[in-house]
Amino acid sequence: MRGHWVAAGSALLGIWLVAAPFVVFEASLAPNFWSDVLAGVALLVVACYAAVLTLFGRSVTPAAAGFVGVVGLLQVAQPFVVGSASAANRWSDVAAGALLVAVAFVSFRQRSVRREESAESRPGGR
């Protein structure tokens, strides 16, 4: 299952980012609200893309993991740049962003390990 980290991580965190402003937090600033919802929807699109590729046995492109990482970095920075209605909102965005960056890092790391393993399995080594 190549790409399962991107699919699973993006789906779980995307659902959280879409649902949290509606369900968990009583008040949210409009830019913070829309940033979370749009980031969540974008992550769900990437998760669907990664899941479909994984189902067909193909590997997810590095661009998908890179996109997840960029969205994570934006989520970390967004509450400090735009502002936040509460500490819970702020730290929810920071935690979700940090987890997204971790998902992207794990995906890139797995890709490089697979590439090294395939190079070593070829005749003549690297």
C-alpha atoms as a PDB file:
ATOM      1  CA  MET A   1       0.000   0.000   0.000  1.00  0.00           C
ATOM      2  CA  ARG A   2       2.005   2.896  -1.300  1.00  0.00           C
ATOM      3  CA  GLY A   3       0.522   6.196  -0.258  1.00  0.00           C
ATOM      4  CA  HIS A   4      -1.597   5.035   2.630  1.00  0.00           C
ATOM      5  CA  TRP A   5      -0.063   7.624   4.975  1.00  0.00           C
ATOM      6  CA  VAL A   6      -1.120  10.464   2.712  1.00  0.00           C
ATOM      7  CA  ALA A   7      -4.605   9.015   2.219  1.00  0.00           C
ATOM      8  CA  ALA A   8      -5.292   8.224   5.870  1.00  0.00           C
ATOM      9  CA  GLY A   9      -3.656  11.308   7.359  1.00  0.00           C
ATOM     10  CA  SER A  10      -5.247  13.697   4.897  1.00  0.00           C
ATOM     11  CA  ALA A  11      -8.673  12.156   5.358  1.00  0.00           C
ATOM     12  CA  LEU A  12      -8.629  12.205   9.156  1.00  0.00           C
ATOM     13  CA  LEU A  13      -7.211  15.693   9.487  1.00  0.00           C
ATOM     14  CA  GLY A  14      -9.358  17.005   6.636  1.00  0.00           C
ATOM     15  CA  ILE A  15     -12.495  15.765   8.383  1.00  0.00           C
ATOM     16  CA  TRP A  16     -11.314  17.387  11.612  1.00  0.00           C
ATOM     17  CA  LEU A  17     -10.632  20.738   9.937  1.00  0.00           C
ATOM     18  CA  VAL A  18     -14.035  20.765   8.233  1.00  0.00           C
ATOM     19  CA  ALA A  19     -16.004  19.648  11.292  1.00  0.00           C
ATOM     20  CA  ALA A  20     -14.246  21.467  14.130  1.00  0.00           C
ATOM     21  CA  PRO A  21     -15.481  25.006  13.351  1.00  0.00           C
ATOM     22  CA  PHE A  22     -19.079  23.743  13.262  1.00  0.00           C
ATOM     23  CA  VAL A  23     -19.069  21.193  16.057  1.00  0.00           C
ATOM     24  CA  VAL A  24     -16.377  21.920  18.614  1.00  0.00           C
ATOM     25  CA  PHE A  25     -15.744  25.628  18.762  1.00  0.00           C
ATOM     26  CA  GLU A  26     -18.430  28.051  19.884  1.00  0.00           C
ATOM     27  CA  ALA A  27     -16.869  31.066  18.183  1.00  0.00           C
ATOM     28  CA  SER A  28     -14.423  31.437  15.337  1.00  0.00           C
ATOM     29  CA  LEU A  29     -13.200  34.404  13.346  1.00  0.00           C
ATOM     30  CA  ALA A  30     -14.462  34.399   9.769  1.00  0.00           C
ATOM     31  CA  PRO A  31     -11.007  34.125   8.121  1.00  0.00           C
ATOM     32  CA  ASN A  32     -10.019  31.352  10.537  1.00  0.00           C
ATOM     33  CA  PHE A  33     -13.317  29.550   9.926  1.00  0.00           C
ATOM     34  CA  TRP A  34     -13.035  29.625   6.141  1.00  0.00           C
ATOM     35  CA  SER A  35      -9.350  28.764   6.187  1.00  0.00           C
ATOM     36  CA  ASP A  36     -10.075  25.619   8.188  1.00  0.00           C
ATOM     37  CA  VAL A  37     -13.006  24.596   5.996  1.00  0.00           C
ATOM     38  CA  LEU A  38     -11.152  25.178   2.713  1.00  0.00           C
ATOM     39  CA  ALA A  39      -8.017  23.408   3.963  1.00  0.00           C
ATOM     40  CA  GLY A  40     -10.147  20.482   5.128  1.00  0.00           C
ATOM     41  CA  VAL A  41     -11.916  20.173   1.784  1.00  0.00           C
ATOM     42  CA  ALA A  42      -8.598  20.349  -0.095  1.00  0.00           C
ATOM     43  CA  LEU A  43      -7.181  17.623   2.151  1.00  0.00           C
ATOM     44  CA  LEU A  44     -10.226  15.435   1.544  1.00  0.00           C
ATOM     45  CA  VAL A  45      -9.699  15.810  -2.212  1.00  0.00           C
ATOM     46  CA  VAL A  46      -6.049  14.745  -1.826  1.00  0.00           C
ATOM     47  CA  ALA A  47      -7.142  11.848   0.396  1.00  0.00           C
ATOM     48  CA  CYS A  48      -9.587  10.616  -2.250  1.00  0.00           C
ATOM     49  CA  TYR A  49      -6.900  10.915  -4.920  1.00  0.00           C
ATOM     50  CA  ALA A  50      -4.405   8.969  -2.794  1.00  0.00           C
ATOM     51  CA  ALA A  51      -6.978   6.325  -1.873  1.00  0.00           C
ATOM     52  CA  VAL A  52      -7.919   5.705  -5.504  1.00  0.00           C
ATOM     53  CA  LEU A  53      -4.270   5.385  -6.533  1.00  0.00           C
ATOM     54  CA  THR A  54      -3.597   3.059  -3.605  1.00  0.00           C
ATOM     55  CA  LEU A  55      -6.573   0.862  -4.514  1.00  0.00           C
ATOM     56  CA  PHE A  56      -5.207   0.446  -8.025  1.00  0.00           C
ATOM     57  CA  GLY A  57      -1.739  -0.419  -6.698  1.00  0.00           C
ATOM     58  CA  ARG A  58      -0.074   2.748  -7.899  1.00  0.00           C
ATOM     59  CA  SER A  59       2.066   4.992  -5.751  1.00  0.00           C
ATOM     60  CA  VAL A  60       0.967   8.472  -4.797  1.00  0.00           C
ATOM     61  CA  THR A  61       2.949  11.245  -6.434  1.00  0.00           C
ATOM     62  CA  PRO A  62       5.333  13.270  -4.272  1.00  0.00           C
ATOM     63  CA  ALA A  63       3.286  16.353  -5.163  1.00  0.00           C
ATOM     64  CA  ALA A  64       0.373  15.044  -3.078  1.00  0.00           C
ATOM     65  CA  ALA A  65       2.564  14.678  -0.003  1.00  0.00           C
ATOM     66  CA  GLY A  66       4.128  18.066  -0.733  1.00  0.00           C
ATOM     67  CA  PHE A  67       0.681  19.654  -0.917  1.00  0.00           C
ATOM     68  CA  VAL A  68      -0.249  18.083   2.416  1.00  0.00           C
ATOM     69  CA  GLY A  69       2.946  19.490   3.929  1.00  0.00           C
ATOM     70  CA  VAL A  70       2.292  22.986   2.575  1.00  0.00           C
ATOM     71  CA  VAL A  71      -1.272  22.935   3.906  1.00  0.00           C
ATOM     72  CA  GLY A  72       0.172  21.833   7.255  1.00  0.00           C
ATOM     73  CA  LEU A  73       2.631  24.714   7.332  1.00  0.00           C
ATOM     74  CA  LEU A  74      -0.158  27.137   6.472  1.00  0.00           C
ATOM     75  CA  GLN A  75      -2.310  25.702   9.265  1.00  0.00           C
ATOM     76  CA  VAL A  76       0.513  26.201  11.753  1.00  0.00           C
ATOM     77  CA  ALA A  77       1.050  29.823  10.711  1.00  0.00           C
ATOM     78  CA  GLN A  78      -2.561  30.830  10.095  1.00  0.00           C
ATOM     79  CA  PRO A  79      -3.772  31.392  13.687  1.00  0.00           C
ATOM     80  CA  PHE A  80      -0.790  33.613  14.419  1.00  0.00           C
ATOM     81  CA  VAL A  81      -1.130  35.637  11.212  1.00  0.00           C
ATOM     82  CA  VAL A  82      -4.925  35.933  10.997  1.00  0.00           C
ATOM     83  CA  GLY A  83      -5.739  35.616  14.672  1.00  0.00           C
ATOM     84  CA  SER A  84      -7.906  33.243  16.591  1.00  0.00           C
ATOM     85  CA  ALA A  85     -11.063  33.579  18.675  1.00  0.00           C
ATOM     86  CA  SER A  86      -9.781  31.293  21.431  1.00  0.00           C
ATOM     87  CA  ALA A  87      -6.755  29.327  22.528  1.00  0.00           C
ATOM     88  CA  ALA A  88      -8.578  26.100  21.646  1.00  0.00           C
ATOM     89  CA  ASN A  89      -9.024  27.274  18.046  1.00  0.00           C
ATOM     90  CA  ARG A  90      -5.392  28.342  17.838  1.00  0.00           C
ATOM     91  CA  TRP A  91      -3.893  25.146  19.201  1.00  0.00           C
ATOM     92  CA  SER A  92      -6.266  22.961  17.216  1.00  0.00           C
ATOM     93  CA  ASP A  93      -4.952  24.538  14.014  1.00  0.00           C
ATOM     94  CA  VAL A  94      -1.334  24.292  15.177  1.00  0.00           C
ATOM     95  CA  ALA A  95      -1.725  20.628  16.170  1.00  0.00           C
ATOM     96  CA  ALA A  96      -3.491  19.734  12.912  1.00  0.00           C
ATOM     97  CA  GLY A  97      -0.809  21.553  10.914  1.00  0.00           C
ATOM     98  CA  ALA A  98       2.018  19.824  12.764  1.00  0.00           C
ATOM     99  CA  LEU A  99       0.390  16.439  12.159  1.00  0.00           C
ATOM    100  CA  LEU A 100      -0.015  17.254   8.459  1.00  0.00           C
ATOM    101  CA  VAL A 101       3.669  18.139   8.195  1.00  0.00           C
ATOM    102  CA  ALA A 102       4.483  14.839   9.943  1.00  0.00           C
ATOM    103  CA  VAL A 103       2.286  12.908   7.484  1.00  0.00           C
ATOM    104  CA  ALA A 104       4.078  14.551   4.553  1.00  0.00           C
ATOM    105  CA  PHE A 105       7.485  13.827   6.092  1.00  0.00           C
ATOM    106  CA  VAL A 106       6.650  10.156   6.695  1.00  0.00           C
ATOM    107  CA  SER A 107       5.377   9.837   3.138  1.00  0.00           C
ATOM    108  CA  PHE A 108       8.550  11.369   1.679  1.00  0.00           C
ATOM    109  CA  ARG A 109      10.710   9.206   3.940  1.00  0.00           C
ATOM    110  CA  GLN A 110       8.926   6.006   2.915  1.00  0.00           C
ATOM    111  CA  ARG A 111       9.328   6.956  -0.733  1.00  0.00           C
ATOM    112  CA  SER A 112      13.085   7.459  -0.364  1.00  0.00           C
ATOM    113  CA  VAL A 113      13.461   4.166   1.541  1.00  0.00           C
ATOM    114  CA  ARG A 114      11.556   2.305  -1.190  1.00  0.00           C
ATOM    115  CA  ARG A 115      13.744   3.953  -3.836  1.00  0.00           C
ATOM    116  CA  GLU A 116      16.924   2.863  -2.007  1.00  0.00           C
ATOM    117  CA  GLU A 117      15.608  -0.693  -1.602  1.00  0.00           C
ATOM    118  CA  SER A 118      14.742  -0.961  -5.288  1.00  0.00           C
ATOM    119  CA  ALA A 119      18.168   0.393  -6.272  1.00  0.00           C
ATOM    120  CA  GLU A 120      19.905  -2.180  -4.066  1.00  0.00           C
ATOM    121  CA  SER A 121      17.807  -5.035  -5.454  1.00  0.00           C
ATOM    122  CA  ARG A 122      18.890  -4.296  -9.015  1.00  0.00           C
ATOM    123  CA  PRO A 123      21.901  -6.204 -10.338  1.00  0.00           C
ATOM    124  CA  GLY A 124      25.064  -4.220  -9.806  1.00  0.00           C
ATOM    125  CA  GLY A 125      23.771  -2.367  -6.723  1.00  0.00           C
ATOM    126  CA  ARG A 126      23.241   1.365  -7.088  1.00  0.00           C
END
